Every structure is written in C-alpha cells, then in structure tokens.
C-alpha cells in the first residue's frame, strides 16, 4: 500500500513548493526544478523523506513445498 500523505519534513525543507499531478487523474506531487541543482539539498530532502516513511511490514515466509 502506497503512502499518499505528504512528507511534512520535505515540505518544510522546500518552503513554498509547486505541486502538480504527474499525469492526468493523479494526486499532486512536488515539482522540483532549481532545487535539483544543489546536491546537498537533495540529499537532505531524501534523508528527511526516508525518516518519515513508515517501515514496511515483514514479509511472510512462503510455506515450503512438500517433496515427493
């Protein structure tokens, strides 16, 4: 299941940000332009985002098939 909630830290880091849907019918996403030019800023934005994402649930082990 995808996380559809905006990342609060990313929004705070970017300040005023433009949001547009990536395709017709999609929910708006951040539109980055000049922000991508500063590598340190992008790294920090990615770190903020990663910290706020929920951890994934552990995958269930598949039962072993019986050997005949």
Protein backbone atom coordinates (compact mmCIF):
# COMPACT_ATOMS: atom_id res chain seq x y z
CA UNK A 1 0.00 0.00 0.00
CA UNK A 2 1.43 3.37 -1.00
CA UNK A 3 1.87 6.23 1.41
CA UNK A 4 -0.32 9.03 0.00
CA UNK A 5 0.35 11.51 2.80
CA UNK A 6 2.63 14.48 2.09
CA UNK A 7 6.01 14.37 3.78
CA UNK A 8 5.97 17.16 6.35
CA UNK A 9 9.76 17.47 6.63
CA UNK A 10 10.17 17.75 2.87
CA UNK A 11 7.54 20.44 2.64
CA UNK A 12 9.19 22.37 5.49
CA UNK A 13 12.64 21.99 3.89
CA UNK A 14 11.46 23.24 0.50
CA UNK A 15 9.26 26.04 1.86
CA UNK A 16 6.99 27.27 -0.90
CA UNK A 17 6.69 24.41 -3.38
CA UNK A 18 4.67 23.93 -6.55
CA UNK A 19 2.54 20.80 -6.64
CA UNK A 20 1.21 19.31 -9.88
CA UNK A 21 -0.09 15.87 -10.85
CA UNK A 22 2.50 13.84 -12.82
CA UNK A 23 -0.27 12.60 -15.13
CA UNK A 24 -3.98 13.17 -15.64
CA UNK A 25 -6.01 11.92 -12.69
CA UNK A 26 -3.01 11.56 -10.33
CA UNK A 27 -2.65 13.27 -6.97
CA UNK A 28 -0.37 16.33 -6.94
CA UNK A 29 3.36 15.79 -6.31
CA UNK A 30 6.16 18.26 -5.63
CA UNK A 31 7.53 19.83 -8.80
CA UNK A 32 11.27 20.36 -8.36
CA UNK A 33 13.38 22.48 -10.69
CA UNK A 34 16.33 24.53 -9.47
CA UNK A 35 16.19 22.62 -6.18
CA UNK A 36 17.76 19.68 -8.02
CA UNK A 37 20.89 21.72 -8.77
CA UNK A 38 22.11 21.66 -5.15
CA UNK A 39 23.26 18.10 -4.40
CA UNK A 40 23.50 18.65 -0.64
CA UNK A 41 19.94 19.98 -0.50
CA UNK A 42 18.61 16.99 -2.47
CA UNK A 43 20.48 14.54 -0.22
CA UNK A 44 18.97 16.21 2.85
CA UNK A 45 15.49 16.14 1.26
CA UNK A 46 15.86 12.41 0.56
CA UNK A 47 17.03 11.76 4.13
CA UNK A 48 14.09 13.71 5.56
CA UNK A 49 11.69 11.78 3.36
CA UNK A 50 13.21 8.40 4.27
CA UNK A 51 12.95 9.14 8.00
CA UNK A 52 9.25 9.95 7.69
CA UNK A 53 8.22 6.96 5.59
CA UNK A 54 6.62 4.12 7.52
CA UNK A 55 8.71 0.99 7.81
CA UNK A 56 7.48 -1.88 5.70
CA UNK A 57 5.84 -4.86 7.33
CA UNK A 58 7.94 -8.02 7.39
CA UNK A 59 7.12 -10.37 4.55
CA UNK A 60 5.52 -13.68 5.43
CA UNK A 61 7.62 -16.71 4.66
CA UNK A 62 6.25 -18.90 1.92
CA UNK A 63 5.47 -22.43 3.06
CA UNK A 64 7.86 -25.00 1.69
CA UNK A 65 6.51 -27.34 -0.95
CA UNK A 66 6.31 -30.98 0.07
CA UNK A 67 8.97 -33.13 -1.59
CA UNK A 68 7.74 -36.35 -3.07
